[in-house]
Amino acid sequence: MAQPNDIGRQIAWAGGAVALVANIGGYAFDLYQAFWWFDRVLHSGTMLAITFWLAVIVFAPPLKTGSPVLLFFLIAAVGVAIGALWEVAEWVFDMVAPSDVIKGKNDTVLDIIMDTIGALIAACMALYFIKSTPSAI
């Protein structure tokens, strides 16, 4: 029978693959323009995938021993920080390339809100998979 850590790792890799394909597809097929909600869902889903992957694949061993509340906020904070860095990268890209990635302050704030939602969901999921495993990951 598969252990929770094995299932968590499989979900993390699958989520990362789906997020990568969705991001590439979004640009390749101009889905951002075709569907108003695509950017919102993609921000949330991508941040969920990245945050969950980092928590379960990269940082699981040291996270096993911490307080669940502290770990929840730590995992979520990493996701929110990555989302904020992404928004800075979008801004820099707009400064150096002839593009219009940033659609204004409202877009940036909504992107960060969606990143935060994804990071919070990832933190909940990661805690389940990290803490429910009896042995070291």
Protein backbone atom coordinates (compact mmCIF):
# COMPACT_ATOMS: atom_id res chain seq x y z
CA MET A 1 0.00 0.00 0.00
CA ALA A 2 1.30 3.44 -0.89
CA GLN A 3 2.36 5.65 2.00
CA PRO A 4 1.05 9.24 2.23
CA ASN A 5 4.51 10.60 1.44
CA ASP A 6 4.58 8.57 -1.81
CA ILE A 7 1.16 9.87 -2.80
CA GLY A 8 2.16 13.41 -1.84
CA ARG A 9 5.25 13.20 -4.03
CA GLN A 10 3.20 11.88 -6.96
CA ILE A 11 0.69 14.72 -6.53
CA ALA A 12 3.55 17.25 -6.31
CA TRP A 13 5.16 16.05 -9.55
CA ALA A 14 1.81 15.81 -11.36
CA GLY A 15 0.78 19.28 -10.16
CA GLY A 16 4.08 20.73 -11.32
CA ALA A 17 3.67 19.14 -14.75
CA VAL A 18 0.10 20.40 -15.11
CA ALA A 19 1.13 23.91 -14.04
CA LEU A 20 4.00 23.93 -16.54
CA VAL A 21 1.80 22.78 -19.42
CA ALA A 22 -0.95 25.26 -18.47
CA ASN A 23 1.52 28.16 -18.33
CA ILE A 24 3.07 27.26 -21.68
CA GLY A 25 -0.36 26.72 -23.21
CA GLY A 26 -1.59 30.02 -21.84
CA TYR A 27 1.08 31.91 -23.75
CA ALA A 28 1.12 29.68 -26.83
CA PHE A 29 -2.65 29.81 -27.38
CA ASP A 30 -3.23 33.31 -25.94
CA LEU A 31 -5.61 31.92 -23.32
CA TYR A 32 -5.08 35.01 -21.16
CA GLN A 33 -6.97 37.05 -23.75
CA ALA A 34 -9.53 34.37 -24.58
CA PHE A 35 -10.70 33.78 -21.00
CA TRP A 36 -10.81 36.59 -18.41
CA TRP A 37 -10.47 34.09 -15.55
CA PHE A 38 -7.48 32.16 -16.94
CA ASP A 39 -4.83 34.37 -15.32
CA ARG A 40 -6.55 34.13 -11.91
CA VAL A 41 -6.87 30.34 -11.99
CA LEU A 42 -3.35 29.94 -13.31
CA HIS A 43 -1.83 32.13 -10.60
CA SER A 44 -3.59 30.16 -7.87
CA GLY A 45 -2.90 26.77 -9.41
CA THR A 46 0.72 27.47 -10.24
CA MET A 47 1.46 28.77 -6.76
CA LEU A 48 -0.30 25.76 -5.24
CA ALA A 49 1.86 23.44 -7.39
CA ILE A 50 5.15 25.23 -6.68
CA THR A 51 4.54 25.61 -2.94
CA PHE A 52 3.33 22.04 -2.50
CA TRP A 53 6.26 20.69 -4.54
CA LEU A 54 8.78 22.60 -2.45
CA ALA A 55 7.17 21.49 0.82
CA VAL A 56 6.80 17.80 -0.06
CA ILE A 57 9.81 17.17 -2.31
CA VAL A 58 12.48 19.59 -1.07
CA PHE A 59 11.76 20.54 2.52
CA ALA A 60 9.77 17.60 3.93
CA PRO A 61 12.44 16.09 6.23
CA PRO A 62 13.05 19.22 8.32
CA LEU A 63 9.33 20.11 8.26
CA LYS A 64 8.30 16.78 9.86
CA THR A 65 9.43 17.88 13.32
CA GLY A 66 7.89 21.33 13.59
CA SER A 67 4.66 22.63 15.07
CA PRO A 68 1.78 22.25 12.57
CA VAL A 69 0.67 25.88 12.99
CA LEU A 70 4.18 27.21 12.48
CA LEU A 71 4.70 24.93 9.49
CA PHE A 72 1.41 26.03 7.93
CA PHE A 73 2.45 29.69 8.07
CA LEU A 74 6.01 28.94 6.96
CA ILE A 75 4.89 26.94 3.91
CA ALA A 76 2.23 29.53 2.99
CA ALA A 77 4.72 32.38 3.43
CA VAL A 78 7.15 30.74 1.01
CA GLY A 79 4.38 30.52 -1.59
CA VAL A 80 3.31 34.14 -1.08
CA ALA A 81 6.94 35.27 -1.34
CA ILE A 82 7.41 33.39 -4.61
CA GLY A 83 4.22 34.99 -5.94
CA ALA A 84 5.47 38.44 -4.99
CA LEU A 85 8.80 37.77 -6.70
CA TRP A 86 6.90 36.67 -9.80
CA GLU A 87 5.05 39.99 -9.85
CA VAL A 88 8.38 41.83 -9.61
CA ALA A 89 9.67 39.72 -12.51
CA GLU A 90 6.59 40.69 -14.57
CA TRP A 91 7.24 44.35 -13.81
CA VAL A 92 10.93 44.04 -14.80
CA PHE A 93 9.93 42.24 -18.00
CA ASP A 94 7.59 45.12 -18.86
CA MET A 95 10.43 47.59 -18.27
CA VAL A 96 12.92 45.87 -20.59
CA ALA A 97 10.71 44.31 -23.28
CA PRO A 98 8.07 45.84 -25.51
CA SER A 99 5.15 44.10 -23.83
CA ASP A 100 2.16 44.67 -21.62
CA VAL A 101 2.31 41.84 -19.08
CA ILE A 102 1.15 44.05 -16.23
CA LYS A 103 -2.41 45.24 -16.64
CA GLY A 104 -2.30 47.73 -13.77
CA LYS A 105 -2.37 47.78 -9.99
CA ASN A 106 -5.63 45.86 -9.73
CA ASP A 107 -4.22 43.02 -11.82
CA THR A 108 -1.09 42.84 -9.67
CA VAL A 109 -3.04 42.82 -6.40
CA LEU A 110 -5.50 40.21 -7.68
CA ASP A 111 -2.57 38.06 -8.84
CA ILE A 112 -1.03 38.23 -5.36
CA ILE A 113 -4.39 37.36 -3.78
CA MET A 114 -4.69 34.32 -6.06
CA ASP A 115 -1.08 33.35 -5.29
CA THR A 116 -1.92 33.54 -1.59
CA ILE A 117 -4.98 31.32 -2.01
CA GLY A 118 -2.87 28.73 -3.84
CA ALA A 119 -0.14 28.90 -1.18
CA LEU A 120 -2.67 28.45 1.65
CA ILE A 121 -4.20 25.40 -0.04
CA ALA A 122 -0.71 24.00 -0.65
CA ALA A 123 0.20 24.51 3.03
CA CYS A 124 -2.89 22.54 4.13
CA MET A 125 -2.14 19.74 1.69
CA ALA A 126 1.56 19.62 2.55
CA LEU A 127 0.86 19.38 6.28
CA TYR A 128 -1.41 16.42 5.67
CA PHE A 129 1.17 14.54 3.61
CA ILE A 130 4.17 15.49 5.75
CA LYS A 131 2.64 14.92 9.18
CA SER A 132 0.70 11.74 8.34
CA THR A 133 3.82 9.79 7.44
CA PRO A 134 5.14 7.76 10.40
CA SER A 135 8.73 7.48 9.16
CA ALA A 136 11.14 9.98 7.67
CA ILE A 137 10.39 11.06 4.11
